PDB file of N, CA and C in Angstrom:
ATOM      1  N   MET A   1      10.994   6.593   5.314  1.00  0.00           N
ATOM      2  CA  MET A   1       9.697   7.232   5.171  1.00  0.00           C
ATOM      3  C   MET A   1       9.015   7.230   6.534  1.00  0.00           C
ATOM      4  N   LYS A   2       8.430   8.370   6.884  1.00  0.00           N
ATOM      5  CA  LYS A   2       7.754   8.520   8.182  1.00  0.00           C
ATOM      6  C   LYS A   2       6.421   9.213   7.985  1.00  0.00           C
ATOM      7  N   LEU A   3       5.440   8.749   8.736  1.00  0.00           N
ATOM      8  CA  LEU A   3       4.116   9.352   8.736  1.00  0.00           C
ATOM      9  C   LEU A   3       3.884   9.997  10.100  1.00  0.00           C
ATOM     10  N   THR A   4       3.805  11.318  10.112  1.00  0.00           N
ATOM     11  CA  THR A   4       3.465  12.041  11.330  1.00  0.00           C
ATOM     12  C   THR A   4       1.948  12.159  11.385  1.00  0.00           C
ATOM     13  N   ILE A   5       1.380  11.731  12.500  1.00  0.00           N
ATOM     14  CA  ILE A   5      -0.069  11.802  12.684  1.00  0.00           C
ATOM     15  C   ILE A   5      -0.323  12.848  13.764  1.00  0.00           C
ATOM     16  N   THR A   6      -1.013  13.913  13.407  1.00  0.00           N
ATOM     17  CA  THR A   6      -1.266  14.990  14.361  1.00  0.00           C
ATOM     18  C   THR A   6      -2.184  14.490  15.479  1.00  0.00           C
ATOM     19  N   ASP A   7      -2.193  15.231  16.584  1.00  0.00           N
ATOM     20  CA  ASP A   7      -3.050  14.857  17.720  1.00  0.00           C
ATOM     21  C   ASP A   7      -4.519  14.816  17.314  1.00  0.00           C
ATOM     22  N   ALA A   8      -4.947  15.774  16.494  1.00  0.00           N
ATOM     23  CA  ALA A   8      -6.344  15.801  16.047  1.00  0.00           C
ATOM     24  C   ALA A   8      -6.672  14.573  15.201  1.00  0.00           C
ATOM     25  N   ALA A   9      -5.748  14.180  14.332  1.00  0.00           N
ATOM     26  CA  ALA A   9      -5.967  12.986  13.497  1.00  0.00           C
ATOM     27  C   ALA A   9      -5.969  11.724  14.350  1.00  0.00           C
ATOM     28  N   LYS A  10      -5.075  11.655  15.339  1.00  0.00           N
ATOM     29  CA  LYS A  10      -5.052  10.491  16.243  1.00  0.00           C
ATOM     30  C   LYS A  10      -6.379  10.354  16.983  1.00  0.00           C
ATOM     31  N   LYS A  11      -6.915  11.481  17.449  1.00  0.00           N
ATOM     32  CA  LYS A  11      -8.197  11.431  18.151  1.00  0.00           C
ATOM     33  C   LYS A  11      -9.301  10.918  17.227  1.00  0.00           C
ATOM     34  N   LYS A  12      -9.332  11.404  16.003  1.00  0.00           N
ATOM     35  CA  LYS A  12     -10.344  10.952  15.028  1.00  0.00           C
ATOM     36  C   LYS A  12     -10.214   9.445  14.790  1.00  0.00           C
ATOM     37  N   ILE A  13      -8.983   8.963  14.626  1.00  0.00           N
ATOM     38  CA  ILE A  13      -8.751   7.534  14.410  1.00  0.00           C
ATOM     39  C   ILE A  13      -9.211   6.740  15.629  1.00  0.00           C
ATOM     40  N   LYS A  14      -8.814   7.183  16.822  1.00  0.00           N
ATOM     41  CA  LYS A  14      -9.174   6.459  18.050  1.00  0.00           C
ATOM     42  C   LYS A  14     -10.671   6.518  18.329  1.00  0.00           C
ATOM     43  N   ASP A  15     -11.344   7.571  17.883  1.00  0.00           N
ATOM     44  CA  ASP A  15     -12.798   7.647  18.024  1.00  0.00           C
ATOM     45  C   ASP A  15     -13.499   6.617  17.131  1.00  0.00           C
ATOM     46  N   ASN A  16     -12.846   6.224  16.045  1.00  0.00           N
ATOM     47  CA  ASN A  16     -13.421   5.266  15.096  1.00  0.00           C
ATOM     48  C   ASN A  16     -12.900   3.845  15.277  1.00  0.00           C
ATOM     49  N   ILE A  17     -11.727   3.712  15.874  1.00  0.00           N
ATOM     50  CA  ILE A  17     -11.095   2.398  16.017  1.00  0.00           C
ATOM     51  C   ILE A  17     -10.570   2.266  17.437  1.00  0.00           C
ATOM     52  N   SER A  18     -11.182   1.378  18.203  1.00  0.00           N
ATOM     53  CA  SER A  18     -10.699   1.152  19.557  1.00  0.00           C
ATOM     54  C   SER A  18     -10.142  -0.270  19.648  1.00  0.00           C
ATOM     55  N   GLY A  19      -9.283  -0.469  20.607  1.00  0.00           N
ATOM     56  CA  GLY A  19      -8.708  -1.794  20.787  1.00  0.00           C
ATOM     57  C   GLY A  19      -7.478  -2.011  19.925  1.00  0.00           C
ATOM     58  N   ASN A  20      -7.067  -3.260  19.869  1.00  0.00           N
ATOM     59  CA  ASN A  20      -5.831  -3.644  19.195  1.00  0.00           C
ATOM     60  C   ASN A  20      -6.052  -3.777  17.688  1.00  0.00           C
ATOM     61  N   ALA A  21      -5.186  -3.151  16.907  1.00  0.00           N
ATOM     62  CA  ALA A  21      -5.325  -3.204  15.450  1.00  0.00           C
ATOM     63  C   ALA A  21      -3.973  -3.025  14.785  1.00  0.00           C
ATOM     64  N   LYS A  22      -3.881  -3.512  13.579  1.00  0.00           N
ATOM     65  CA  LYS A  22      -2.773  -3.258  12.667  1.00  0.00           C
ATOM     66  C   LYS A  22      -3.327  -2.288  11.630  1.00  0.00           C
ATOM     67  N   PHE A  23      -2.492  -1.344  11.172  1.00  0.00           N
ATOM     68  CA  PHE A  23      -2.988  -0.312  10.268  1.00  0.00           C
ATOM     69  C   PHE A  23      -2.364  -0.406   8.879  1.00  0.00           C
ATOM     70  N   PHE A  24      -3.224  -0.218   7.874  1.00  0.00           N
ATOM     71  CA  PHE A  24      -2.804  -0.127   6.476  1.00  0.00           C
ATOM     72  C   PHE A  24      -3.119   1.277   5.978  1.00  0.00           C
ATOM     73  N   LEU A  25      -2.196   1.861   5.226  1.00  0.00           N
ATOM     74  CA  LEU A  25      -2.484   3.053   4.440  1.00  0.00           C
ATOM     75  C   LEU A  25      -2.512   2.557   3.008  1.00  0.00           C
ATOM     76  N   SER A  26      -3.708   2.349   2.524  1.00  0.00           N
ATOM     77  CA  SER A  26      -3.912   1.620   1.270  1.00  0.00           C
ATOM     78  C   SER A  26      -4.184   2.563   0.105  1.00  0.00           C
ATOM     79  N   LEU A  27      -3.326   2.482  -0.906  1.00  0.00           N
ATOM     80  CA  LEU A  27      -3.591   3.169  -2.162  1.00  0.00           C
ATOM     81  C   LEU A  27      -4.806   2.509  -2.786  1.00  0.00           C
ATOM     82  N   ASP A  28      -5.823   3.296  -3.077  1.00  0.00           N
ATOM     83  CA  ASP A  28      -7.067   2.756  -3.635  1.00  0.00           C
ATOM     84  C   ASP A  28      -6.904   2.639  -5.149  1.00  0.00           C
ATOM     85  N   ASP A  29      -6.270   1.530  -5.551  1.00  0.00           N
ATOM     86  CA  ASP A  29      -5.906   1.341  -6.962  1.00  0.00           C
ATOM     87  C   ASP A  29      -6.507   0.076  -7.580  1.00  0.00           C
ATOM     88  N   GLY A  30      -7.406  -0.569  -6.852  1.00  0.00           N
ATOM     89  CA  GLY A  30      -8.027  -1.781  -7.377  1.00  0.00           C
ATOM     90  C   GLY A  30      -7.270  -3.050  -7.045  1.00  0.00           C
ATOM     91  N   VAL A  31      -6.142  -2.948  -6.339  1.00  0.00           N
ATOM     92  CA  VAL A  31      -5.337  -4.127  -5.982  1.00  0.00           C
ATOM     93  C   VAL A  31      -5.653  -4.526  -4.544  1.00  0.00           C
ATOM     94  N   GLY A  32      -6.025  -5.764  -4.347  1.00  0.00           N
ATOM     95  CA  GLY A  32      -6.286  -6.290  -3.017  1.00  0.00           C
ATOM     96  C   GLY A  32      -7.746  -6.148  -2.607  1.00  0.00           C
ATOM     97  N   LYS A  33      -8.071  -6.813  -1.518  1.00  0.00           N
ATOM     98  CA  LYS A  33      -9.472  -6.872  -1.106  1.00  0.00           C
ATOM     99  C   LYS A  33      -9.975  -5.602  -0.432  1.00  0.00           C
ATOM    100  N   TYR A  34      -9.088  -4.660  -0.103  1.00  0.00           N
ATOM    101  CA  TYR A  34      -9.515  -3.419   0.550  1.00  0.00           C
ATOM    102  C   TYR A  34      -9.628  -2.252  -0.428  1.00  0.00           C
ATOM    103  N   SER A  35      -9.501  -2.516  -1.709  1.00  0.00           N
ATOM    104  CA  SER A  35      -9.509  -1.457  -2.710  1.00  0.00           C
ATOM    105  C   SER A  35     -10.602  -1.713  -3.735  1.00  0.00           C
ATOM    106  N   ASP A  36     -11.494  -0.733  -3.914  1.00  0.00           N
ATOM    107  CA  ASP A  36     -12.549  -0.932  -4.896  1.00  0.00           C
ATOM    108  C   ASP A  36     -12.447   0.018  -6.080  1.00  0.00           C
ATOM    109  N   ALA A  37     -11.504   0.934  -6.062  1.00  0.00           N
ATOM    110  CA  ALA A  37     -11.307   1.817  -7.222  1.00  0.00           C
ATOM    111  C   ALA A  37     -10.385   1.117  -8.212  1.00  0.00           C
ATOM    112  N   GLY A  38     -10.188   1.722  -9.325  1.00  0.00           N
ATOM    113  CA  GLY A  38      -9.280   1.151 -10.313  1.00  0.00           C
ATOM    114  C   GLY A  38      -8.218   2.139 -10.708  1.00  0.00           C
ATOM    115  N   SER A  39      -7.306   1.693 -11.545  1.00  0.00           N
ATOM    116  CA  SER A  39      -6.203   2.545 -11.952  1.00  0.00           C
ATOM    117  C   SER A  39      -6.650   3.689 -12.846  1.00  0.00           C
ATOM    118  N   CYS A  40      -7.884   3.705 -13.267  1.00  0.00           N
ATOM    119  CA  CYS A  40      -8.381   4.788 -14.107  1.00  0.00           C
ATOM    120  C   CYS A  40      -8.852   5.977 -13.284  1.00  0.00           C
ATOM    121  N   ALA A  41      -8.687   5.913 -11.973  1.00  0.00           N
ATOM    122  CA  ALA A  41      -9.120   7.030 -11.123  1.00  0.00           C
ATOM    123  C   ALA A  41      -8.379   8.301 -11.507  1.00  0.00           C
ATOM    124  N   ILE A  42      -9.069   9.417 -11.409  1.00  0.00           N
ATOM    125  CA  ILE A  42      -8.499  10.702 -11.808  1.00  0.00           C
ATOM    126  C   ILE A  42      -7.497  11.209 -10.780  1.00  0.00           C
ATOM    127  N   ASP A  43      -7.763  10.987  -9.498  1.00  0.00           N
ATOM    128  CA  ASP A  43      -6.858  11.498  -8.477  1.00  0.00           C
ATOM    129  C   ASP A  43      -6.320  10.357  -7.622  1.00  0.00           C
ATOM    130  N   THR A  44      -5.293  10.661  -6.840  1.00  0.00           N
ATOM    131  CA  THR A  44      -4.686   9.692  -5.943  1.00  0.00           C
ATOM    132  C   THR A  44      -5.535   9.604  -4.689  1.00  0.00           C
ATOM    133  N   SER A  45      -5.881   8.377  -4.314  1.00  0.00           N
ATOM    134  CA  SER A  45      -6.770   8.172  -3.186  1.00  0.00           C
ATOM    135  C   SER A  45      -6.207   7.092  -2.267  1.00  0.00           C
ATOM    136  N   PHE A  46      -6.221   7.385  -0.965  1.00  0.00           N
ATOM    137  CA  PHE A  46      -5.764   6.437   0.045  1.00  0.00           C
ATOM    138  C   PHE A  46      -6.883   6.186   1.047  1.00  0.00           C
ATOM    139  N   ASP A  47      -6.815   5.029   1.704  1.00  0.00           N
ATOM    140  CA  ASP A  47      -7.723   4.671   2.794  1.00  0.00           C
ATOM    141  C   ASP A  47      -6.870   4.298   4.005  1.00  0.00           C
ATOM    142  N   PHE A  48      -7.326   4.664   5.201  1.00  0.00           N
ATOM    143  CA  PHE A  48      -6.681   4.275   6.448  1.00  0.00           C
ATOM    144  C   PHE A  48      -7.506   3.132   7.022  1.00  0.00           C
ATOM    145  N   ILE A  49      -6.913   1.936   7.074  1.00  0.00           N
ATOM    146  CA  ILE A  49      -7.670   0.723   7.382  1.00  0.00           C
ATOM    147  C   ILE A  49      -7.103   0.024   8.610  1.00  0.00           C
ATOM    148  N   ALA A  50      -7.985  -0.354   9.530  1.00  0.00           N
ATOM    149  CA  ALA A  50      -7.616  -1.173  10.683  1.00  0.00           C
ATOM    150  C   ALA A  50      -7.959  -2.620  10.362  1.00  0.00           C
ATOM    151  N   VAL A  51      -7.009  -3.517  10.628  1.00  0.00           N
ATOM    152  CA  VAL A  51      -7.225  -4.949  10.425  1.00  0.00           C
ATOM    153  C   VAL A  51      -6.789  -5.683  11.687  1.00  0.00           C
ATOM    154  N   ASP A  52      -7.105  -6.961  11.739  1.00  0.00           N
ATOM    155  CA  ASP A  52      -6.686  -7.781  12.872  1.00  0.00           C
ATOM    156  C   ASP A  52      -5.164  -7.748  12.996  1.00  0.00           C
ATOM    157  N   PRO A  53      -4.639  -7.634  14.219  1.00  0.00           N
ATOM    158  CA  PRO A  53      -3.196  -7.498  14.426  1.00  0.00           C
ATOM    159  C   PRO A  53      -2.366  -8.639  13.844  1.00  0.00           C
ATOM    160  N   ASP A  54      -2.926  -9.831  13.759  1.00  0.00           N
ATOM    161  CA  ASP A  54      -2.172 -10.978  13.251  1.00  0.00           C
ATOM    162  C   ASP A  54      -2.377 -11.224  11.755  1.00  0.00           C
ATOM    163  N   LEU A  55      -3.114 -10.358  11.081  1.00  0.00           N
ATOM    164  CA  LEU A  55      -3.366 -10.528   9.656  1.00  0.00           C
ATOM    165  C   LEU A  55      -2.075 -10.334   8.864  1.00  0.00           C
ATOM    166  N   ASP A  56      -1.799 -11.263   7.969  1.00  0.00           N
ATOM    167  CA  ASP A  56      -0.645 -11.160   7.076  1.00  0.00           C
ATOM    168  C   ASP A  56      -1.185 -11.039   5.655  1.00  0.00           C
ATOM    169  N   ASP A  57      -1.169  -9.836   5.119  1.00  0.00           N
ATOM    170  CA  ASP A  57      -1.682  -9.583   3.769  1.00  0.00           C
ATOM    171  C   ASP A  57      -0.495  -9.275   2.878  1.00  0.00           C
ATOM    172  N   HIS A  58      -0.220 -10.143   1.901  1.00  0.00           N
ATOM    173  CA  HIS A  58       0.972 -10.002   1.065  1.00  0.00           C
ATOM    174  C   HIS A  58       0.959  -8.752   0.185  1.00  0.00           C
ATOM    175  N   ASP A  59      -0.209  -8.122  -0.006  1.00  0.00           N
ATOM    176  CA  ASP A  59      -0.251  -6.879  -0.782  1.00  0.00           C
ATOM    177  C   ASP A  59       0.442  -5.740  -0.030  1.00  0.00           C
ATOM    178  N   PHE A  60       0.415  -5.786   1.303  1.00  0.00           N
ATOM    179  CA  PHE A  60       1.022  -4.748   2.130  1.00  0.00           C
ATOM    180  C   PHE A  60       2.394  -5.253   2.582  1.00  0.00           C
ATOM    181  N   ASP A  61       3.367  -5.092   1.692  1.00  0.00           N
ATOM    182  CA  ASP A  61       4.666  -5.729   1.838  1.00  0.00           C
ATOM    183  C   ASP A  61       5.746  -4.832   2.434  1.00  0.00           C
ATOM    184  N   GLU A  62       5.401  -3.584   2.762  1.00  0.00           N
ATOM    185  CA  GLU A  62       6.358  -2.680   3.391  1.00  0.00           C
ATOM    186  C   GLU A  62       5.655  -1.911   4.493  1.00  0.00           C
ATOM    187  N   SER A  63       6.454  -1.300   5.362  1.00  0.00           N
ATOM    188  CA  SER A  63       5.866  -0.497   6.433  1.00  0.00           C
ATOM    189  C   SER A  63       6.656   0.793   6.601  1.00  0.00           C
ATOM    190  N   MET A  64       6.033   1.745   7.283  1.00  0.00           N
ATOM    191  CA  MET A  64       6.705   2.991   7.629  1.00  0.00           C
ATOM    192  C   MET A  64       6.405   3.301   9.086  1.00  0.00           C
ATOM    193  N   ASP A  65       7.285   4.057   9.703  1.00  0.00           N
ATOM    194  CA  ASP A  65       7.084   4.474  11.086  1.00  0.00           C
ATOM    195  C   ASP A  65       6.005   5.533  11.152  1.00  0.00           C
ATOM    196  N   SER A  66       5.285   5.542  12.267  1.00  0.00           N
ATOM    197  CA  SER A  66       4.280   6.577  12.498  1.00  0.00           C
ATOM    198  C   SER A  66       4.120   6.773  14.001  1.00  0.00           C
ATOM    199  N   ASP A  67       3.333   7.770  14.345  1.00  0.00           N
ATOM    200  CA  ASP A  67       3.035   8.045  15.748  1.00  0.00           C
ATOM    201  C   ASP A  67       2.119   6.983  16.368  1.00  0.00           C
ATOM    202  N   LEU A  68       1.556   6.106  15.554  1.00  0.00           N
ATOM    203  CA  LEU A  68       0.718   5.008  16.052  1.00  0.00           C
ATOM    204  C   LEU A  68       1.404   3.652  15.884  1.00  0.00           C
ATOM    205  N   GLY A  69       2.696   3.652  15.599  1.00  0.00           N
ATOM    206  CA  GLY A  69       3.422   2.414  15.335  1.00  0.00           C
ATOM    207  C   GLY A  69       3.531   2.197  13.837  1.00  0.00           C
ATOM    208  N   PRO A  70       3.922   0.985  13.434  1.00  0.00           N
ATOM    209  CA  PRO A  70       4.105   0.743  11.999  1.00  0.00           C
ATOM    210  C   PRO A  70       2.792   0.853  11.220  1.00  0.00           C
ATOM    211  N   ILE A  71       2.876   1.476  10.063  1.00  0.00           N
ATOM    212  CA  ILE A  71       1.754   1.563   9.123  1.00  0.00           C
ATOM    213  C   ILE A  71       2.190   0.808   7.882  1.00  0.00           C
ATOM    214  N   TYR A  72       1.404  -0.168   7.466  1.00  0.00           N
ATOM    215  CA  TYR A  72       1.766  -1.023   6.334  1.00  0.00           C
ATOM    216  C   TYR A  72       1.204  -0.459   5.038  1.00  0.00           C
ATOM    217  N   ILE A  73       2.018  -0.564   3.986  1.00  0.00           N
ATOM    218  CA  ILE A  73       1.655  -0.028   2.674  1.00  0.00           C
ATOM    219  C   ILE A  73       2.000  -1.035   1.586  1.00  0.00           C
ATOM    220  N   LYS A  74       1.409  -0.852   0.429  1.00  0.00           N
ATOM    221  CA  LYS A  74       1.829  -1.571  -0.766  1.00  0.00           C
ATOM    222  C   LYS A  74       3.117  -0.891  -1.207  1.00  0.00           C
ATOM    223  N   GLY A  75       4.201  -1.642  -1.294  1.00  0.00           N
ATOM    224  CA  GLY A  75       5.510  -1.051  -1.558  1.00  0.00           C
ATOM    225  C   GLY A  75       5.542  -0.115  -2.750  1.00  0.00           C
ATOM    226  N   TYR A  76       4.874  -0.485  -3.819  1.00  0.00           N
ATOM    227  CA  TYR A  76       4.898   0.343  -5.018  1.00  0.00           C
ATOM    228  C   TYR A  76       4.152   1.655  -4.847  1.00  0.00           C
ATOM    229  N   SER A  77       3.313   1.761  -3.811  1.00  0.00           N
ATOM    230  CA  SER A  77       2.552   2.995  -3.617  1.00  0.00           C
ATOM    231  C   SER A  77       3.441   4.142  -3.133  1.00  0.00           C
ATOM    232  N   LYS A  78       4.688   3.840  -2.749  1.00  0.00           N
ATOM    233  CA  LYS A  78       5.611   4.902  -2.327  1.00  0.00           C
ATOM    234  C   LYS A  78       5.828   5.927  -3.435  1.00  0.00           C
ATOM    235  N   SER A  79       5.617   5.535  -4.681  1.00  0.00           N
ATOM    236  CA  SER A  79       5.815   6.486  -5.782  1.00  0.00           C
ATOM    237  C   SER A  79       4.779   7.611  -5.737  1.00  0.00           C
ATOM    238  N   TYR A  80       3.708   7.438  -4.967  1.00  0.00           N
ATOM    239  CA  TYR A  80       2.683   8.474  -4.804  1.00  0.00           C
ATOM    240  C   TYR A  80       2.879   9.283  -3.523  1.00  0.00           C
ATOM    241  N   MET A  81       3.904   8.931  -2.757  1.00  0.00           N
ATOM    242  CA  MET A  81       4.122   9.539  -1.447  1.00  0.00           C
ATOM    243  C   MET A  81       5.413  10.346  -1.430  1.00  0.00           C
ATOM    244  N   ASP A  82       5.541  11.206  -0.424  1.00  0.00           N
ATOM    245  CA  ASP A  82       6.776  11.922  -0.154  1.00  0.00           C
ATOM    246  C   ASP A  82       7.495  11.244   1.010  1.00  0.00           C
ATOM    247  N   GLN A  83       8.757  11.606   1.203  1.00  0.00           N
ATOM    248  CA  GLN A  83       9.538  11.023   2.284  1.00  0.00           C
ATOM    249  C   GLN A  83       8.947  11.382   3.645  1.00  0.00           C
ATOM    250  N   ASN A  84       8.490  12.608   3.799  1.00  0.00           N
ATOM    251  CA  ASN A  84       7.893  13.078   5.049  1.00  0.00           C
ATOM    252  C   ASN A  84       6.401  13.270   4.821  1.00  0.00           C
ATOM    253  N   LEU A  85       5.611  12.422   5.446  1.00  0.00           N
ATOM    254  CA  LEU A  85       4.155  12.469   5.283  1.00  0.00           C
ATOM    255  C   LEU A  85       3.497  12.956   6.563  1.00  0.00           C
ATOM    256  N   LYS A  86       2.319  13.537   6.396  1.00  0.00           N
ATOM    257  CA  LYS A  86       1.546  13.973   7.562  1.00  0.00           C
ATOM    258  C   LYS A  86       0.082  13.641   7.341  1.00  0.00           C
ATOM    259  N   LEU A  87      -0.523  13.063   8.369  1.00  0.00           N
ATOM    260  CA  LEU A  87      -1.956  12.815   8.386  1.00  0.00           C
ATOM    261  C   LEU A  87      -2.542  13.794   9.398  1.00  0.00           C
ATOM    262  N   ASP A  88      -3.407  14.672   8.920  1.00  0.00           N
ATOM    263  CA  ASP A  88      -3.958  15.730   9.760  1.00  0.00           C
ATOM    264  C   ASP A  88      -5.479  15.733   9.614  1.00  0.00           C
ATOM    265  N   LEU A  89      -6.134  16.447  10.484  1.00  0.00           N
ATOM    266  CA  LEU A  89      -7.589  16.567  10.443  1.00  0.00           C
ATOM    267  C   LEU A  89      -7.946  17.977   9.984  1.00  0.00           C
ATOM    268  N   LYS A  90      -8.670  18.065   8.886  1.00  0.00           N
ATOM    269  CA  LYS A  90      -9.139  19.340   8.348  1.00  0.00           C
ATOM    270  C   LYS A  90     -10.636  19.223   8.139  1.00  0.00           C
ATOM    271  N   MET A  91     -11.399  20.090   8.819  1.00  0.00           N
ATOM    272  CA  MET A  91     -12.864  20.081   8.695  1.00  0.00           C
ATOM    273  C   MET A  91     -13.440  18.688   8.968  1.00  0.00           C
ATOM    274  N   ASN A  92     -12.876  18.010   9.985  1.00  0.00           N
ATOM    275  CA  ASN A  92     -13.294  16.681  10.440  1.00  0.00           C
ATOM    276  C   ASN A  92     -13.035  15.575   9.415  1.00  0.00           C
ATOM    277  N   ILE A  93     -12.106  15.806   8.491  1.00  0.00           N
ATOM    278  CA  ILE A  93     -11.736  14.826   7.465  1.00  0.00           C
ATOM    279  C   ILE A  93     -10.230  14.621   7.527  1.00  0.00           C
ATOM    280  N   LEU A  94      -9.783  13.356   7.483  1.00  0.00           N
ATOM    281  CA  LEU A  94      -8.350  13.092   7.448  1.00  0.00           C
ATOM    282  C   LEU A  94      -7.785  13.525   6.103  1.00  0.00           C
ATOM    283  N   GLN A  95      -6.629  14.195   6.176  1.00  0.00           N
ATOM    284  CA  GLN A  95      -5.962  14.677   4.971  1.00  0.00           C
ATOM    285  C   GLN A  95      -4.512  14.217   5.000  1.00  0.00           C
ATOM    286  N   LEU A  96      -4.047  13.630   3.898  1.00  0.00           N
ATOM    287  CA  LEU A  96      -2.669  13.163   3.765  1.00  0.00           C
ATOM    288  C   LEU A  96      -1.890  14.165   2.929  1.00  0.00           C
ATOM    289  N   SER A  97      -0.767  14.614   3.480  1.00  0.00           N
ATOM    290  CA  SER A  97       0.081  15.545   2.739  1.00  0.00           C
ATOM    291  C   SER A  97       1.540  15.140   2.890  1.00  0.00           C
ATOM    292  N   GLY A  98       2.370  15.758   2.070  1.00  0.00           N
ATOM    293  CA  GLY A  98       3.801  15.500   2.101  1.00  0.00           C
ATOM    294  C   GLY A  98       4.560  16.766   1.825  1.00  0.00           C
ATOM    295  N   ASP A  99       5.850  16.635   1.587  1.00  0.00           N
ATOM    296  CA  ASP A  99       6.703  17.788   1.335  1.00  0.00           C
ATOM    297  C   ASP A  99       6.203  18.624   0.152  1.00  0.00           C
ATOM    298  N   ALA A 100       5.613  17.991  -0.836  1.00  0.00           N
ATOM    299  CA  ALA A 100       5.173  18.691  -2.053  1.00  0.00           C
ATOM    300  C   ALA A 100       3.745  19.232  -1.954  1.00  0.00           C
ATOM    301  N   GLY A 101       3.035  18.945  -0.869  1.00  0.00           N
ATOM    302  CA  GLY A 101       1.670  19.440  -0.709  1.00  0.00           C
ATOM    303  C   GLY A 101       0.686  18.321  -0.425  1.00  0.00           C
ATOM    304  N   ILE A 102      -0.582  18.589  -0.678  1.00  0.00           N
ATOM    305  CA  ILE A 102      -1.656  17.632  -0.388  1.00  0.00           C
ATOM    306  C   ILE A 102      -1.602  16.463  -1.366  1.00  0.00           C
ATOM    307  N   ILE A 103      -1.664  15.257  -0.810  1.00  0.00           N
ATOM    308  CA  ILE A 103      -1.690  14.029  -1.607  1.00  0.00           C
ATOM    309  C   ILE A 103      -3.123  13.538  -1.742  1.00  0.00           C
ATOM    310  N   ASP A 104      -3.854  13.505  -0.625  1.00  0.00           N
ATOM    311  CA  ASP A 104      -5.265  13.090  -0.626  1.00  0.00           C
ATOM    312  C   ASP A 104      -5.987  13.922   0.429  1.00  0.00           C
ATOM    313  N   GLU A 105      -6.979  14.677  -0.002  1.00  0.00           N
ATOM    314  CA  GLU A 105      -7.674  15.561   0.932  1.00  0.00           C
ATOM    315  C   GLU A 105      -8.838  14.903   1.654  1.00  0.00           C
ATOM    316  N   ASN A 106      -9.097  13.614   1.382  1.00  0.00           N
ATOM    317  CA  ASN A 106     -10.184  12.905   2.052  1.00  0.00           C
ATOM    318  C   ASN A 106      -9.814  11.432   2.201  1.00  0.00           C
ATOM    319  N   VAL A 107      -9.174  11.105   3.323  1.00  0.00           N
ATOM    320  CA  VAL A 107      -8.739   9.733   3.597  1.00  0.00           C
ATOM    321  C   VAL A 107      -9.754   9.094   4.538  1.00  0.00           C
ATOM    322  N   PRO A 108     -10.596   8.182   4.029  1.00  0.00           N
ATOM    323  CA  PRO A 108     -11.575   7.534   4.903  1.00  0.00           C
ATOM    324  C   PRO A 108     -10.917   6.553   5.873  1.00  0.00           C
ATOM    325  N   ILE A 109     -11.549   6.379   7.017  1.00  0.00           N
ATOM    326  CA  ILE A 109     -11.124   5.404   8.026  1.00  0.00           C
ATOM    327  C   ILE A 109     -12.057   4.211   7.932  1.00  0.00           C
ATOM    328  N   SER A 110     -11.474   3.023   7.902  1.00  0.00           N
ATOM    329  CA  SER A 110     -12.277   1.794   7.795  1.00  0.00           C
ATOM    330  C   SER A 110     -11.770   0.777   8.811  1.00  0.00           C
ATOM    331  N   ASP A 111     -12.684   0.137   9.518  1.00  0.00           N
ATOM    332  CA  ASP A 111     -12.346  -0.905  10.478  1.00  0.00           C
ATOM    333  C   ASP A 111     -12.756  -2.245   9.884  1.00  0.00           C
ATOM    334  N   GLU A 112     -11.778  -3.027   9.463  1.00  0.00           N
ATOM    335  CA  GLU A 112     -12.044  -4.316   8.796  1.00  0.00           C
ATOM    336  C   GLU A 112     -11.715  -5.507   9.701  1.00  0.00           C
ATOM    337  N   ARG A 113     -11.611  -5.269  11.010  1.00  0.00           N
ATOM    338  CA  ARG A 113     -11.296  -6.361  11.932  1.00  0.00           C
ATOM    339  C   ARG A 113     -12.511  -7.276  12.098  1.00  0.00           C
ATOM    340  N   LYS A 114     -12.231  -8.554  12.308  1.00  0.00           N
ATOM    341  CA  LYS A 114     -13.313  -9.520  12.546  1.00  0.00           C
ATOM    342  C   LYS A 114     -13.924  -9.301  13.917  1.00  0.00           C
ATOM    343  N   VAL A 115     -13.056  -9.045  14.912  1.00  0.00           N
ATOM    344  CA  VAL A 115     -13.502  -8.784  16.286  1.00  0.00           C
ATOM    345  C   VAL A 115     -13.187  -7.332  16.582  1.00  0.00           C
ATOM    346  N   LYS A 116     -14.220  -6.560  16.848  1.00  0.00           N
ATOM    347  CA  LYS A 116     -14.003  -5.124  17.093  1.00  0.00           C
ATOM    348  C   LYS A 116     -14.160  -4.808  18.555  1.00  0.00           C
TER     349      LYS A 116
END
């Protein structure tokens, strides 16, 4: 599984997150401390989260390659993803898509690092 991050999306991420960070692409399903939605959500929702580089969060047990280095995910969330993913910027909003089309049309960026 690979996540291609377009130049426009990289710029948006870097405008919001500077310095050293580890990245999570978090399915917003109510599991873990970075998720506040629940499984009753109508649509599939992801968040792009920066955390401290040395953080070890057992909920994010797998990773995928990306243009920004490894992106950590909840392993079971792969069932909502395609093999080839793309994070792009549309109307100043991050959008996640795959081979089958749009997965999440509004992926928020969150910086959860202790030291920013």
